[in-house]
């Protein structure tokens, strides 16, 4: 038994060693319910750490704290912008059952004066995705996105994408040409963003990385003709099943911008044509 556990740990470490995403979302148990993490500068947008990357870090901590392995529903409130550097995650088990378990997690960083600042707070329910029913009844349709070779990434533009930064080097994104008018000063005004998504190092998607995927494409505010940072206020993600290997298709839409806030509804489809994740987030609209 001990030998098998050691082999499993070595295998897990080998996997983490091969993936930048896994290395940068790793957490270390300090004491029961408390984990240390290092927020990598490689996942920043302008100067703030990407919200989907943060969600994945908290999701990993909750996956270690709860008896069930996979995120099913994760709701996060972003309280203050996170910055690269050390962080502490505190978790609490709310309830455990036979098929579901629920927990809370908060991520803290230290301000310049040494006081703790809470950056993000999460309430999540976990399950075993492999144990879910395979009964599917849906009217959802795979988004019509041109073949990947006919889509465009950051390197295809005439100039750097507005607001792009270190995170673009870690993502393999190819956007539908119909949704990138903003990149050449001709936004469509439709509030849509579609494209192919993967991690640049080739790591296949899993339930944890889907928490990043739902918040990784450029914001729909760009296609609404607005420029600048679009900070997330609240984000809820539903992971519907374990994704098949291969690139993902992501579709994000905004139907309403009012009072200085907009919503983004994201659908994520795997290479087998299954809807593997959905999310809605409320974000503050850029001023531009």
Protein backbone atom coordinates (compact mmCIF):
# COMPACT_ATOMS: atom_id res chain seq x y z
CA UNK A 1 0.00 0.00 0.00
CA UNK A 2 2.77 2.45 0.97
CA UNK A 3 4.68 1.66 -2.24
CA UNK A 4 1.55 2.28 -4.34
CA UNK A 5 0.96 5.62 -2.61
CA UNK A 6 4.57 6.63 -3.24
CA UNK A 7 4.29 5.73 -6.93
CA UNK A 8 1.05 7.72 -7.22
CA UNK A 9 2.69 10.74 -5.61
CA UNK A 10 5.68 10.47 -7.94
CA UNK A 11 3.36 10.23 -10.96
CA UNK A 12 1.39 13.29 -9.83
CA UNK A 13 4.61 15.23 -9.32
CA UNK A 14 5.80 14.26 -12.80
CA UNK A 15 2.54 15.55 -14.29
CA UNK A 16 2.83 18.82 -12.38
CA UNK A 17 6.44 19.17 -13.47
CA UNK A 18 5.41 19.01 -17.13
CA UNK A 19 2.66 21.64 -16.96
CA UNK A 20 3.10 25.32 -16.24
CA UNK A 21 -0.56 25.57 -15.29
CA UNK A 22 -0.22 22.84 -12.67
CA UNK A 23 2.99 24.29 -11.27
CA UNK A 24 1.52 27.77 -11.04
CA UNK A 25 -1.73 26.61 -9.39
CA UNK A 26 0.01 24.36 -6.85
CA UNK A 27 -0.88 24.81 -3.18
CA UNK A 28 1.03 23.63 -0.11
CA UNK A 29 -0.77 22.50 3.04
CA UNK A 30 0.42 24.58 6.00
CA UNK A 31 -2.07 23.24 8.54
CA UNK A 32 -5.57 21.81 8.39
CA UNK A 33 -7.66 24.01 6.11
CA UNK A 34 -4.82 26.47 5.35
CA UNK A 35 -2.75 26.43 2.16
CA UNK A 36 0.12 28.54 0.88
CA UNK A 37 0.27 29.57 -2.78
CA UNK A 38 2.44 31.72 -5.02
CA UNK A 39 0.54 33.80 -7.58
CA UNK A 40 2.60 33.77 -10.75
CA UNK A 41 3.24 36.94 -12.75
CA UNK A 42 2.80 34.79 -15.86
CA UNK A 43 -1.00 34.93 -15.57
CA UNK A 44 -1.48 38.69 -15.32
CA UNK A 45 -3.63 41.05 -17.36
CA UNK A 46 -1.99 44.47 -17.29
CA UNK A 47 -0.88 44.28 -13.61
CA UNK A 48 -3.69 42.21 -12.05
CA UNK A 49 -3.77 38.41 -11.83
CA UNK A 50 -6.40 36.81 -14.12
CA UNK A 51 -9.63 35.85 -12.37
CA UNK A 52 -9.90 32.42 -13.97
CA UNK A 53 -6.37 31.54 -12.86
CA UNK A 54 -7.28 32.60 -9.32
CA UNK A 55 -10.41 30.46 -9.48
CA UNK A 56 -8.30 27.46 -10.47
CA UNK A 57 -5.94 27.97 -7.51
CA UNK A 58 -8.83 28.12 -5.05
CA UNK A 59 -10.42 25.20 -6.86
CA UNK A 60 -7.28 23.14 -6.34
CA UNK A 61 -7.21 23.95 -2.61
CA UNK A 62 -10.88 22.98 -2.24
CA UNK A 63 -10.24 19.78 -4.18
CA UNK A 64 -7.67 18.82 -1.56
CA UNK A 65 -9.85 19.87 1.37
CA UNK A 66 -13.11 18.19 0.27
CA UNK A 67 -13.78 14.44 -0.05
CA UNK A 68 -15.03 14.71 -3.65
CA UNK A 69 -12.48 15.37 -6.43
CA UNK A 70 -14.18 17.56 -9.04
CA UNK A 71 -15.69 21.06 -9.06
CA UNK A 72 -19.36 21.06 -10.03
CA UNK A 73 -20.52 24.58 -9.15
CA UNK A 74 -18.12 27.35 -8.12
CA UNK A 75 -19.22 30.89 -7.25
CA UNK A 76 -16.61 33.57 -6.60
CA UNK A 77 -16.77 37.19 -5.48
CA UNK A 78 -13.70 39.24 -6.40
CA UNK A 79 -13.15 41.74 -3.59
CA UNK A 80 -9.86 43.40 -4.54
CA UNK A 81 -7.40 42.91 -7.38
CA UNK A 82 -4.78 40.20 -6.74
CA UNK A 83 -1.11 40.78 -7.55
CA UNK A 84 1.76 38.37 -8.18
CA UNK A 85 3.39 37.04 -5.04
CA UNK A 86 2.64 34.97 -1.93
CA UNK A 87 -0.95 34.20 -0.94
CA UNK A 88 -2.74 32.25 1.76
CA UNK A 89 -5.91 30.23 1.13
CA UNK A 90 -8.18 29.34 4.02
CA UNK A 91 -10.79 26.66 3.44
CA UNK A 92 -13.77 25.48 5.42
CA UNK A 93 -15.90 22.38 4.87
CA UNK A 94 -19.57 23.39 4.95
CA UNK A 95 -21.21 20.03 4.32
CA UNK A 96 -20.33 16.58 3.04
CA UNK A 97 -22.68 13.94 1.66
CA UNK A 98 -22.55 10.77 -0.36
CA UNK A 99 -22.51 12.42 -3.80
CA UNK A 100 -21.78 16.10 -3.09
CA UNK A 101 -19.64 18.15 -0.74
CA UNK A 102 -19.62 21.91 -0.26
CA UNK A 103 -16.86 24.17 0.98
CA UNK A 104 -15.75 27.78 1.26
CA UNK A 105 -12.36 29.25 0.45
CA UNK A 106 -10.84 32.72 0.67
CA UNK A 107 -7.54 33.94 -0.74
CA UNK A 108 -5.55 36.54 1.21
CA UNK A 109 -2.47 38.60 0.47
CA UNK A 110 -0.49 40.99 2.65
CA UNK A 111 -0.65 44.74 2.09
CA UNK A 112 2.45 46.93 2.36
CA UNK A 113 1.68 47.64 6.03
CA UNK A 114 1.56 43.91 6.81
CA UNK A 115 -2.22 43.61 7.17
CA UNK A 116 -4.09 40.78 5.46
CA UNK A 117 -6.32 41.70 2.53
CA UNK A 118 -8.98 39.28 1.30
CA UNK A 119 -8.85 39.15 -2.49
CA UNK A 120 -11.48 36.58 -3.46
CA UNK A 121 -14.07 34.46 -1.66
CA UNK A 122 -15.53 31.23 -3.09
CA UNK A 123 -18.42 28.94 -2.25
CA UNK A 124 -18.24 25.66 -4.18
CA UNK A 125 -19.88 22.26 -4.49
CA UNK A 126 -17.76 19.28 -5.54
CA UNK A 127 -18.66 15.84 -6.87
CA UNK A 128 -17.24 12.89 -8.81
CA UNK A 129 -17.96 13.83 -12.42
CA UNK A 130 -17.39 10.26 -13.57
CA UNK A 131 -20.29 9.12 -11.37
CA UNK A 132 -22.85 11.50 -12.89
CA UNK A 133 -25.72 10.27 -15.05
CA UNK A 134 -25.06 10.15 -18.78
CA UNK A 135 -28.63 11.25 -19.59
CA UNK A 136 -28.40 14.42 -21.72
CA UNK A 137 -31.36 16.52 -22.87
CA UNK A 138 -30.30 19.83 -24.35
CA UNK A 139 -31.13 22.44 -26.95
CA UNK A 140 -27.60 23.87 -26.75
CA UNK A 141 -25.66 23.82 -30.00
CA UNK A 142 -21.93 23.83 -30.67
CA UNK A 143 -20.95 27.37 -31.77
CA UNK A 144 -20.19 27.85 -35.44
CA UNK A 145 -16.49 28.73 -35.40
CA UNK A 146 -14.31 28.53 -38.53
CA UNK A 147 -11.59 25.86 -38.58
CA UNK A 148 -8.71 26.71 -36.29
CA UNK A 149 -6.35 27.45 -39.19
CA UNK A 150 -8.77 30.17 -40.36
CA UNK A 151 -8.93 31.88 -36.96
CA UNK A 152 -6.56 34.50 -35.58
CA UNK A 153 -4.36 34.79 -32.49
CA UNK A 154 -2.37 37.62 -30.87
CA UNK A 155 0.58 37.09 -33.21
CA UNK A 156 -1.62 37.58 -36.28
CA UNK A 157 -2.60 41.17 -35.46
CA UNK A 158 -0.94 44.29 -36.86
CA UNK A 159 -0.23 45.51 -33.31
CA UNK A 160 -0.38 44.15 -29.75
CA UNK A 161 -3.92 43.42 -28.58
CA UNK A 162 -5.14 46.21 -26.25
CA UNK A 163 -4.76 45.12 -22.64
CA UNK A 164 -2.85 41.95 -23.52
CA UNK A 165 -0.01 40.89 -21.26
CA UNK A 166 1.86 37.92 -19.86
CA UNK A 167 -1.14 35.57 -19.84
CA UNK A 168 -1.32 35.54 -23.65
CA UNK A 169 2.01 33.67 -23.74
CA UNK A 170 0.49 30.80 -21.71
CA UNK A 171 -2.66 30.41 -23.76
CA UNK A 172 -3.25 29.05 -27.24
CA UNK A 173 -6.24 31.10 -28.41
CA UNK A 174 -7.48 31.46 -31.97
CA UNK A 175 -10.43 33.82 -32.31
CA UNK A 176 -13.26 33.74 -34.84
CA UNK A 177 -12.51 36.58 -37.31
CA UNK A 178 -16.14 37.70 -36.94
CA UNK A 179 -15.44 38.68 -33.33
CA UNK A 180 -12.15 40.57 -33.64
CA UNK A 181 -13.19 43.78 -35.36
CA UNK A 182 -12.07 45.57 -32.18
CA UNK A 183 -8.46 44.61 -32.90
CA UNK A 184 -8.46 46.77 -36.05
CA UNK A 185 -10.62 49.57 -34.70
CA UNK A 186 -13.90 48.23 -36.13
CA UNK A 187 -15.84 46.58 -33.27
CA UNK A 188 -19.10 44.94 -34.31
CA UNK A 189 -21.08 46.23 -31.33
CA UNK A 190 -22.57 42.76 -30.82
CA UNK A 191 -20.86 41.81 -27.55
CA UNK A 192 -19.69 38.39 -28.76
CA UNK A 193 -16.37 36.55 -28.49
CA UNK A 194 -15.73 33.09 -29.93
CA UNK A 195 -12.65 31.00 -30.47
CA UNK A 196 -10.55 27.90 -30.01
CA UNK A 197 -8.83 27.52 -26.67
CA UNK A 198 -5.97 25.50 -25.24
CA UNK A 199 -2.93 25.88 -23.01
CA UNK A 200 0.27 26.85 -24.82
CA UNK A 201 2.25 23.97 -23.32
CA UNK A 202 -0.19 21.43 -24.76
CA UNK A 203 -1.71 20.31 -21.46
CA UNK A 204 -5.16 18.83 -22.08
CA UNK A 205 -8.15 20.33 -20.32
CA UNK A 206 -9.53 18.88 -17.10
CA UNK A 207 -12.25 20.06 -14.70
CA UNK A 208 -9.82 22.33 -12.86
CA UNK A 209 -8.44 24.06 -15.95
CA UNK A 210 -12.00 24.71 -17.16
CA UNK A 211 -12.23 27.23 -14.30
CA UNK A 212 -9.53 29.18 -16.13
CA UNK A 213 -11.07 28.65 -19.56
CA UNK A 214 -14.35 30.42 -18.78
CA UNK A 215 -12.44 33.64 -18.04
CA UNK A 216 -9.56 33.47 -20.51
CA UNK A 217 -10.81 35.01 -23.78
CA UNK A 218 -10.69 38.79 -24.39
CA UNK A 219 -13.72 40.50 -22.84
CA UNK A 220 -16.84 41.04 -24.91
CA UNK A 221 -16.60 44.71 -24.01
CA UNK A 222 -13.94 45.02 -26.73
CA UNK A 223 -16.53 44.13 -29.39
CA UNK A 224 -18.89 46.65 -27.77
CA UNK A 225 -16.33 49.33 -28.63
CA UNK A 226 -14.97 49.74 -25.09
CA UNK A 227 -11.27 49.60 -24.26
CA UNK A 228 -9.48 48.86 -21.03
CA UNK A 229 -9.65 46.54 -18.07
CA UNK A 230 -13.00 44.80 -17.41
CA UNK A 231 -12.68 43.62 -13.78
CA UNK A 232 -14.85 40.73 -12.64
CA UNK A 233 -17.19 41.38 -9.72
CA UNK A 234 -18.75 37.89 -9.48
CA UNK A 235 -18.34 34.69 -11.46
CA UNK A 236 -20.24 31.39 -11.25
CA UNK A 237 -18.99 28.38 -13.20
CA UNK A 238 -20.71 25.02 -13.72
CA UNK A 239 -18.52 22.09 -14.78
CA UNK A 240 -20.80 19.64 -16.59
CA UNK A 241 -18.48 16.75 -17.44
CA UNK A 242 -14.83 15.78 -17.81
CA UNK A 243 -13.54 17.16 -21.15
CA UNK A 244 -12.15 14.95 -23.88
CA UNK A 245 -8.53 15.58 -24.99
CA UNK A 246 -8.06 18.21 -27.64
CA UNK A 247 -8.87 21.88 -28.23
CA UNK A 248 -11.92 23.53 -26.69
CA UNK A 249 -14.42 25.82 -28.36
CA UNK A 250 -15.51 28.81 -26.29
CA UNK A 251 -18.43 31.16 -26.94
CA UNK A 252 -19.04 34.25 -24.79
CA UNK A 253 -21.95 36.67 -25.16
CA UNK A 254 -23.16 39.85 -23.48
CA UNK A 255 -26.80 40.84 -23.78
CA UNK A 256 -26.99 43.74 -21.38
CA UNK A 257 -24.74 46.60 -20.29
CA UNK A 258 -26.40 48.92 -17.80
CA UNK A 259 -25.36 51.02 -14.83
CA UNK A 260 -21.70 50.54 -15.71
CA UNK A 261 -21.84 46.72 -15.45
CA UNK A 262 -22.21 43.93 -17.99
CA UNK A 263 -22.71 40.17 -17.88
CA UNK A 264 -20.72 37.58 -19.82
CA UNK A 265 -22.23 34.16 -20.47
CA UNK A 266 -19.68 31.54 -21.51
CA UNK A 267 -20.18 28.06 -22.99
CA UNK A 268 -17.23 25.68 -23.37
CA UNK A 269 -17.36 22.67 -25.72
CA UNK A 270 -14.82 19.86 -25.94
CA UNK A 271 -13.43 18.05 -28.99
CA UNK A 272 -16.23 15.47 -28.75
CA UNK A 273 -18.87 18.17 -29.17
CA UNK A 274 -20.05 18.09 -25.54
CA UNK A 275 -20.94 21.12 -23.46
CA UNK A 276 -18.39 20.72 -20.65
CA UNK A 277 -18.64 24.05 -18.82
CA UNK A 278 -20.87 27.08 -18.50
CA UNK A 279 -20.44 30.32 -16.62
CA UNK A 280 -21.91 33.72 -16.00
CA UNK A 281 -19.97 36.65 -14.64
CA UNK A 282 -20.81 40.19 -13.72
CA UNK A 283 -18.07 42.64 -14.66
CA UNK A 284 -17.48 46.34 -14.44
CA UNK A 285 -17.54 47.93 -17.88
CA UNK A 286 -14.48 49.90 -19.02
CA UNK A 287 -14.93 53.65 -19.16
CA UNK A 288 -13.65 53.96 -22.69
